Amino acid sequence: MRLRNYSERTIATYVTELSSLAKYYQKSPADLSRDQVKDFCYYLLQEKHLSNSTINQLISAWKIRCTGQQMGGAQD
């Protein structure tokens, strides 16, 4: 993410969002399916009443994780 000029704050936010996803499923985000991420987003919206911007941050973080995985794991 540093290579893409993401701010340190954005990186920290994305790491936090991916950590919460990993804790929820007790799995690495790399081992989660798209449906699991969608279910987690729905849970955050319906049960935790989090904002759409928080959900968007999680989705963006997961997309970057997927892109980095396809590029050989070079995520920072």
PDB file of N, CA and C in Angstrom:
ATOM      1  N   MET A   1       0.824  -1.189   0.000  1.00  0.00           N
ATOM      2  CA  MET A   1       0.000   0.000   0.000  1.00  0.00           C
ATOM      3  C   MET A   1       0.872   1.257   0.000  1.00  0.00           C
ATOM      4  N   ARG A   2       2.034   1.142   0.603  1.00  0.00           N
ATOM      5  CA  ARG A   2       2.932   2.306   0.594  1.00  0.00           C
ATOM      6  C   ARG A   2       3.374   2.632  -0.824  1.00  0.00           C
ATOM      7  N   LEU A   3       3.550   1.613  -1.650  1.00  0.00           N
ATOM      8  CA  LEU A   3       3.940   1.844  -3.035  1.00  0.00           C
ATOM      9  C   LEU A   3       2.853   2.591  -3.798  1.00  0.00           C
ATOM     10  N   ARG A   4       1.630   2.455  -3.353  1.00  0.00           N
ATOM     11  CA  ARG A   4       0.498   3.134  -3.990  1.00  0.00           C
ATOM     12  C   ARG A   4       0.205   4.483  -3.344  1.00  0.00           C
ATOM     13  N   ASN A   5       1.076   4.913  -2.440  1.00  0.00           N
ATOM     14  CA  ASN A   5       0.974   6.201  -1.736  1.00  0.00           C
ATOM     15  C   ASN A   5      -0.248   6.324  -0.827  1.00  0.00           C
ATOM     16  N   TYR A   6      -0.654   5.225  -0.210  1.00  0.00           N
ATOM     17  CA  TYR A   6      -1.708   5.304   0.795  1.00  0.00           C
ATOM     18  C   TYR A   6      -1.105   5.930   2.047  1.00  0.00           C
ATOM     19  N   SER A   7      -1.878   6.746   2.741  1.00  0.00           N
ATOM     20  CA  SER A   7      -1.389   7.372   3.968  1.00  0.00           C
ATOM     21  C   SER A   7      -1.260   6.322   5.071  1.00  0.00           C
ATOM     22  N   GLU A   8      -0.442   6.645   6.057  1.00  0.00           N
ATOM     23  CA  GLU A   8      -0.268   5.728   7.187  1.00  0.00           C
ATOM     24  C   GLU A   8      -1.592   5.505   7.911  1.00  0.00           C
ATOM     25  N   ARG A   9      -2.403   6.520   7.973  1.00  0.00           N
ATOM     26  CA  ARG A   9      -3.716   6.420   8.629  1.00  0.00           C
ATOM     27  C   ARG A   9      -4.627   5.447   7.871  1.00  0.00           C
ATOM     28  N   THR A  10      -4.621   5.531   6.552  1.00  0.00           N
ATOM     29  CA  THR A  10      -5.427   4.615   5.736  1.00  0.00           C
ATOM     30  C   THR A  10      -4.947   3.190   5.907  1.00  0.00           C
ATOM     31  N   ILE A  11      -3.653   3.002   5.900  1.00  0.00           N
ATOM     32  CA  ILE A  11      -3.085   1.656   6.086  1.00  0.00           C
ATOM     33  C   ILE A  11      -3.504   1.104   7.439  1.00  0.00           C
ATOM     34  N   ALA A  12      -3.387   1.921   8.480  1.00  0.00           N
ATOM     35  CA  ALA A  12      -3.770   1.471   9.823  1.00  0.00           C
ATOM     36  C   ALA A  12      -5.259   1.121   9.887  1.00  0.00           C
ATOM     37  N   THR A  13      -6.088   1.919   9.245  1.00  0.00           N
ATOM     38  CA  THR A  13      -7.534   1.654   9.224  1.00  0.00           C
ATOM     39  C   THR A  13      -7.821   0.339   8.511  1.00  0.00           C
ATOM     40  N   TYR A  14      -7.195   0.125   7.374  1.00  0.00           N
ATOM     41  CA  TYR A  14      -7.411  -1.101   6.615  1.00  0.00           C
ATOM     42  C   TYR A  14      -6.944  -2.327   7.397  1.00  0.00           C
ATOM     43  N   VAL A  15      -5.818  -2.207   8.078  1.00  0.00           N
ATOM     44  CA  VAL A  15      -5.330  -3.322   8.907  1.00  0.00           C
ATOM     45  C   VAL A  15      -6.309  -3.619  10.028  1.00  0.00           C
ATOM     46  N   THR A  16      -6.846  -2.570  10.637  1.00  0.00           N
ATOM     47  CA  THR A  16      -7.837  -2.749  11.712  1.00  0.00           C
ATOM     48  C   THR A  16      -9.087  -3.445  11.196  1.00  0.00           C
ATOM     49  N   GLU A  17      -9.566  -3.020  10.034  1.00  0.00           N
ATOM     50  CA  GLU A  17     -10.770  -3.629   9.455  1.00  0.00           C
ATOM     51  C   GLU A  17     -10.539  -5.102   9.120  1.00  0.00           C
ATOM     52  N   LEU A  18      -9.395  -5.414   8.526  1.00  0.00           N
ATOM     53  CA  LEU A  18      -9.095  -6.811   8.198  1.00  0.00           C
ATOM     54  C   LEU A  18      -8.897  -7.645   9.460  1.00  0.00           C
ATOM     55  N   SER A  19      -8.354  -7.035  10.506  1.00  0.00           N
ATOM     56  CA  SER A  19      -8.191  -7.751  11.781  1.00  0.00           C
ATOM     57  C   SER A  19      -9.543  -8.105  12.390  1.00  0.00           C
ATOM     58  N   SER A  20     -10.494  -7.174  12.313  1.00  0.00           N
ATOM     59  CA  SER A  20     -11.822  -7.470  12.859  1.00  0.00           C
ATOM     60  C   SER A  20     -12.501  -8.582  12.067  1.00  0.00           C
ATOM     61  N   LEU A  21     -12.298  -8.597  10.778  1.00  0.00           N
ATOM     62  CA  LEU A  21     -12.833  -9.670   9.933  1.00  0.00           C
ATOM     63  C   LEU A  21     -12.201 -11.009  10.320  1.00  0.00           C
ATOM     64  N   ALA A  22     -10.902 -11.021  10.495  1.00  0.00           N
ATOM     65  CA  ALA A  22     -10.182 -12.250  10.862  1.00  0.00           C
ATOM     66  C   ALA A  22     -10.631 -12.759  12.240  1.00  0.00           C
ATOM     67  N   LYS A  23     -10.826 -11.849  13.181  1.00  0.00           N
ATOM     68  CA  LYS A  23     -11.264 -12.247  14.527  1.00  0.00           C
ATOM     69  C   LYS A  23     -12.669 -12.834  14.498  1.00  0.00           C
ATOM     70  N   TYR A  24     -13.538 -12.247  13.693  1.00  0.00           N
ATOM     71  CA  TYR A  24     -14.920 -12.711  13.610  1.00  0.00           C
ATOM     72  C   TYR A  24     -14.985 -14.166  13.152  1.00  0.00           C
ATOM     73  N   TYR A  25     -14.204 -14.498  12.139  1.00  0.00           N
ATOM     74  CA  TYR A  25     -14.217 -15.857  11.595  1.00  0.00           C
ATOM     75  C   TYR A  25     -13.112 -16.744  12.171  1.00  0.00           C
ATOM     76  N   GLN A  26     -12.217 -16.151  12.939  1.00  0.00           N
ATOM     77  CA  GLN A  26     -11.065 -16.862  13.489  1.00  0.00           C
ATOM     78  C   GLN A  26     -10.270 -17.545  12.377  1.00  0.00           C
ATOM     79  N   LYS A  27     -10.086 -16.791  11.298  1.00  0.00           N
ATOM     80  CA  LYS A  27      -9.332 -17.245  10.131  1.00  0.00           C
ATOM     81  C   LYS A  27      -8.582 -16.063   9.548  1.00  0.00           C
ATOM     82  N   SER A  28      -7.571 -16.359   8.794  1.00  0.00           N
ATOM     83  CA  SER A  28      -6.872 -15.311   8.052  1.00  0.00           C
ATOM     84  C   SER A  28      -7.799 -14.757   6.971  1.00  0.00           C
ATOM     85  N   PRO A  29      -7.752 -13.461   6.703  1.00  0.00           N
ATOM     86  CA  PRO A  29      -8.565 -12.911   5.614  1.00  0.00           C
ATOM     87  C   PRO A  29      -8.270 -13.591   4.269  1.00  0.00           C
ATOM     88  N   ALA A  30      -7.070 -14.105   4.101  1.00  0.00           N
ATOM     89  CA  ALA A  30      -6.706 -14.797   2.857  1.00  0.00           C
ATOM     90  C   ALA A  30      -7.503 -16.086   2.680  1.00  0.00           C
ATOM     91  N   ASP A  31      -8.025 -16.632   3.775  1.00  0.00           N
ATOM     92  CA  ASP A  31      -8.767 -17.896   3.726  1.00  0.00           C
ATOM     93  C   ASP A  31     -10.281 -17.699   3.650  1.00  0.00           C
ATOM     94  N   LEU A  32     -10.726 -16.456   3.556  1.00  0.00           N
ATOM     95  CA  LEU A  32     -12.158 -16.180   3.557  1.00  0.00           C
ATOM     96  C   LEU A  32     -12.692 -15.998   2.141  1.00  0.00           C
ATOM     97  N   SER A  33     -13.915 -16.421   1.959  1.00  0.00           N
ATOM     98  CA  SER A  33     -14.567 -16.280   0.657  1.00  0.00           C
ATOM     99  C   SER A  33     -15.243 -14.915   0.549  1.00  0.00           C
ATOM    100  N   ARG A  34     -15.602 -14.583  -0.652  1.00  0.00           N
ATOM    101  CA  ARG A  34     -16.335 -13.336  -0.902  1.00  0.00           C
ATOM    102  C   ARG A  34     -17.659 -13.335  -0.146  1.00  0.00           C
ATOM    103  N   ASP A  35     -18.337 -14.471  -0.111  1.00  0.00           N
ATOM    104  CA  ASP A  35     -19.614 -14.560   0.601  1.00  0.00           C
ATOM    105  C   ASP A  35     -19.438 -14.331   2.097  1.00  0.00           C
ATOM    106  N   GLN A  36     -18.342 -14.818   2.664  1.00  0.00           N
ATOM    107  CA  GLN A  36     -18.096 -14.590   4.081  1.00  0.00           C
ATOM    108  C   GLN A  36     -17.883 -13.104   4.364  1.00  0.00           C
ATOM    109  N   VAL A  37     -17.175 -12.430   3.484  1.00  0.00           N
ATOM    110  CA  VAL A  37     -16.962 -10.992   3.653  1.00  0.00           C
ATOM    111  C   VAL A  37     -18.296 -10.258   3.534  1.00  0.00           C
ATOM    112  N   LYS A  38     -19.118 -10.646   2.577  1.00  0.00           N
ATOM    113  CA  LYS A  38     -20.440 -10.031   2.420  1.00  0.00           C
ATOM    114  C   LYS A  38     -21.294 -10.262   3.660  1.00  0.00           C
ATOM    115  N   ASP A  39     -21.266 -11.480   4.197  1.00  0.00           N
ATOM    116  CA  ASP A  39     -22.032 -11.781   5.411  1.00  0.00           C
ATOM    117  C   ASP A  39     -21.551 -10.944   6.593  1.00  0.00           C
ATOM    118  N   PHE A  40     -20.241 -10.754   6.696  1.00  0.00           N
ATOM    119  CA  PHE A  40     -19.684  -9.940   7.773  1.00  0.00           C
ATOM    120  C   PHE A  40     -20.118  -8.485   7.619  1.00  0.00           C
ATOM    121  N   CYS A  41     -20.117  -7.982   6.405  1.00  0.00           N
ATOM    122  CA  CYS A  41     -20.577  -6.614   6.154  1.00  0.00           C
ATOM    123  C   CYS A  41     -22.044  -6.462   6.561  1.00  0.00           C
ATOM    124  N   TYR A  42     -22.850  -7.432   6.203  1.00  0.00           N
ATOM    125  CA  TYR A  42     -24.262  -7.405   6.580  1.00  0.00           C
ATOM    126  C   TYR A  42     -24.411  -7.414   8.107  1.00  0.00           C
ATOM    127  N   TYR A  43     -23.614  -8.249   8.775  1.00  0.00           N
ATOM    128  CA  TYR A  43     -23.615  -8.311  10.238  1.00  0.00           C
ATOM    129  C   TYR A  43     -23.264  -6.944  10.834  1.00  0.00           C
ATOM    130  N   LEU A  44     -22.229  -6.300  10.294  1.00  0.00           N
ATOM    131  CA  LEU A  44     -21.818  -4.998  10.812  1.00  0.00           C
ATOM    132  C   LEU A  44     -22.911  -3.948  10.629  1.00  0.00           C
ATOM    133  N   LEU A  45     -23.591  -4.003   9.501  1.00  0.00           N
ATOM    134  CA  LEU A  45     -24.670  -3.045   9.246  1.00  0.00           C
ATOM    135  C   LEU A  45     -25.887  -3.303  10.117  1.00  0.00           C
ATOM    136  N   GLN A  46     -26.326  -4.546  10.167  1.00  0.00           N
ATOM    137  CA  GLN A  46     -27.584  -4.880  10.840  1.00  0.00           C
ATOM    138  C   GLN A  46     -27.456  -5.036  12.350  1.00  0.00           C
ATOM    139  N   GLU A  47     -26.407  -5.683  12.800  1.00  0.00           N
ATOM    140  CA  GLU A  47     -26.270  -5.987  14.230  1.00  0.00           C
ATOM    141  C   GLU A  47     -25.462  -4.939  14.987  1.00  0.00           C
ATOM    142  N   LYS A  48     -24.414  -4.447  14.373  1.00  0.00           N
ATOM    143  CA  LYS A  48     -23.534  -3.482  15.031  1.00  0.00           C
ATOM    144  C   LYS A  48     -23.876  -2.035  14.680  1.00  0.00           C
ATOM    145  N   HIS A  49     -24.730  -1.867  13.677  1.00  0.00           N
ATOM    146  CA  HIS A  49     -25.187  -0.537  13.253  1.00  0.00           C
ATOM    147  C   HIS A  49     -24.032   0.397  12.897  1.00  0.00           C
ATOM    148  N   LEU A  50     -23.034  -0.154  12.213  1.00  0.00           N
ATOM    149  CA  LEU A  50     -21.907   0.658  11.768  1.00  0.00           C
ATOM    150  C   LEU A  50     -22.268   1.403  10.488  1.00  0.00           C
ATOM    151  N   SER A  51     -21.537   2.440  10.222  1.00  0.00           N
ATOM    152  CA  SER A  51     -21.838   3.299   9.078  1.00  0.00           C
ATOM    153  C   SER A  51     -21.419   2.654   7.757  1.00  0.00           C
ATOM    154  N   ASN A  52     -22.005   3.172   6.690  1.00  0.00           N
ATOM    155  CA  ASN A  52     -21.638   2.703   5.353  1.00  0.00           C
ATOM    156  C   ASN A  52     -20.171   2.962   5.054  1.00  0.00           C
ATOM    157  N   SER A  53     -19.619   4.058   5.567  1.00  0.00           N
ATOM    158  CA  SER A  53     -18.209   4.352   5.299  1.00  0.00           C
ATOM    159  C   SER A  53     -17.296   3.317   5.948  1.00  0.00           C
ATOM    160  N   THR A  54     -17.675   2.812   7.110  1.00  0.00           N
ATOM    161  CA  THR A  54     -16.896   1.747   7.748  1.00  0.00           C
ATOM    162  C   THR A  54     -16.941   0.485   6.898  1.00  0.00           C
ATOM    163  N   ILE A  55     -18.101   0.160   6.384  1.00  0.00           N
ATOM    164  CA  ILE A  55     -18.248  -1.014   5.525  1.00  0.00           C
ATOM    165  C   ILE A  55     -17.421  -0.828   4.252  1.00  0.00           C
ATOM    166  N   ASN A  56     -17.458   0.361   3.689  1.00  0.00           N
ATOM    167  CA  ASN A  56     -16.672   0.639   2.487  1.00  0.00           C
ATOM    168  C   ASN A  56     -15.173   0.500   2.746  1.00  0.00           C
ATOM    169  N   GLN A  57     -14.723   0.897   3.913  1.00  0.00           N
ATOM    170  CA  GLN A  57     -13.314   0.734   4.268  1.00  0.00           C
ATOM    171  C   GLN A  57     -12.936  -0.747   4.323  1.00  0.00           C
ATOM    172  N   LEU A  58     -13.814  -1.552   4.905  1.00  0.00           N
ATOM    173  CA  LEU A  58     -13.559  -2.985   4.966  1.00  0.00           C
ATOM    174  C   LEU A  58     -13.498  -3.581   3.562  1.00  0.00           C
ATOM    175  N   ILE A  59     -14.437  -3.214   2.727  1.00  0.00           N
ATOM    176  CA  ILE A  59     -14.468  -3.739   1.358  1.00  0.00           C
ATOM    177  C   ILE A  59     -13.211  -3.312   0.601  1.00  0.00           C
ATOM    178  N   SER A  60     -12.808  -2.060   0.739  1.00  0.00           N
ATOM    179  CA  SER A  60     -11.599  -1.583   0.072  1.00  0.00           C
ATOM    180  C   SER A  60     -10.362  -2.321   0.560  1.00  0.00           C
ATOM    181  N   ALA A  61     -10.284  -2.535   1.858  1.00  0.00           N
ATOM    182  CA  ALA A  61      -9.139  -3.262   2.418  1.00  0.00           C
ATOM    183  C   ALA A  61      -9.099  -4.690   1.881  1.00  0.00           C
ATOM    184  N   TRP A  62     -10.263  -5.326   1.805  1.00  0.00           N
ATOM    185  CA  TRP A  62     -10.303  -6.706   1.317  1.00  0.00           C
ATOM    186  C   TRP A  62      -9.944  -6.774  -0.168  1.00  0.00           C
ATOM    187  N   LYS A  63     -10.387  -5.793  -0.937  1.00  0.00           N
ATOM    188  CA  LYS A  63     -10.046  -5.749  -2.359  1.00  0.00           C
ATOM    189  C   LYS A  63      -8.534  -5.599  -2.550  1.00  0.00           C
ATOM    190  N   ILE A  64      -7.922  -4.747  -1.750  1.00  0.00           N
ATOM    191  CA  ILE A  64      -6.472  -4.572  -1.848  1.00  0.00           C
ATOM    192  C   ILE A  64      -5.758  -5.854  -1.451  1.00  0.00           C
ATOM    193  N   ARG A  65      -6.280  -6.540  -0.447  1.00  0.00           N
ATOM    194  CA  ARG A  65      -5.696  -7.810  -0.041  1.00  0.00           C
ATOM    195  C   ARG A  65      -5.763  -8.808  -1.183  1.00  0.00           C
ATOM    196  N   CYS A  66      -6.884  -8.836  -1.873  1.00  0.00           N
ATOM    197  CA  CYS A  66      -7.045  -9.747  -3.008  1.00  0.00           C
ATOM    198  C   CYS A  66      -6.120  -9.377  -4.149  1.00  0.00           C
ATOM    199  N   THR A  67      -6.007  -8.094  -4.442  1.00  0.00           N
ATOM    200  CA  THR A  67      -5.129  -7.619  -5.511  1.00  0.00           C
ATOM    201  C   THR A  67      -3.681  -7.931  -5.179  1.00  0.00           C
ATOM    202  N   GLY A  68      -3.290  -7.698  -3.951  1.00  0.00           N
ATOM    203  CA  GLY A  68      -1.920  -7.989  -3.525  1.00  0.00           C
ATOM    204  C   GLY A  68      -1.600  -9.463  -3.607  1.00  0.00           C
ATOM    205  N   GLN A  69      -2.581 -10.302  -3.314  1.00  0.00           N
ATOM    206  CA  GLN A  69      -2.402 -11.741  -3.379  1.00  0.00           C
ATOM    207  C   GLN A  69      -2.190 -12.162  -4.829  1.00  0.00           C
ATOM    208  N   GLN A  70      -2.926 -11.559  -5.751  1.00  0.00           N
ATOM    209  CA  GLN A  70      -2.779 -11.895  -7.166  1.00  0.00           C
ATOM    210  C   GLN A  70      -1.447 -11.408  -7.726  1.00  0.00           C
ATOM    211  N   MET A  71      -0.882 -10.360  -7.113  1.00  0.00           N
ATOM    212  CA  MET A  71       0.371  -9.814  -7.572  1.00  0.00           C
ATOM    213  C   MET A  71       1.564 -10.471  -6.879  1.00  0.00           C
ATOM    214  N   GLY A  72       1.335 -11.580  -6.217  1.00  0.00           N
ATOM    215  CA  GLY A  72       2.421 -12.282  -5.567  1.00  0.00           C
ATOM    216  C   GLY A  72       2.641 -11.871  -4.133  1.00  0.00           C
ATOM    217  N   GLY A  73       1.641 -11.242  -3.529  1.00  0.00           N
ATOM    218  CA  GLY A  73       1.707 -10.914  -2.121  1.00  0.00           C
ATOM    219  C   GLY A  73       2.356  -9.575  -1.804  1.00  0.00           C
ATOM    220  N   ALA A  74       2.739  -8.812  -2.777  1.00  0.00           N
ATOM    221  CA  ALA A  74       3.377  -7.516  -2.538  1.00  0.00           C
ATOM    222  C   ALA A  74       2.324  -6.483  -2.185  1.00  0.00           C
ATOM    223  N   GLN A  75       1.973  -6.414  -0.904  1.00  0.00           N
ATOM    224  CA  GLN A  75       0.905  -5.528  -0.492  1.00  0.00           C
ATOM    225  C   GLN A  75       1.395  -4.210   0.064  1.00  0.00           C
ATOM    226  N   ASP A  76       2.674  -4.084   0.409  1.00  0.00           N
ATOM    227  CA  ASP A  76       3.092  -2.785   0.922  1.00  0.00           C
ATOM    228  C   ASP A  76       4.209  -2.238   0.144  1.00  0.00           C
TER     229      ASP A  76
END
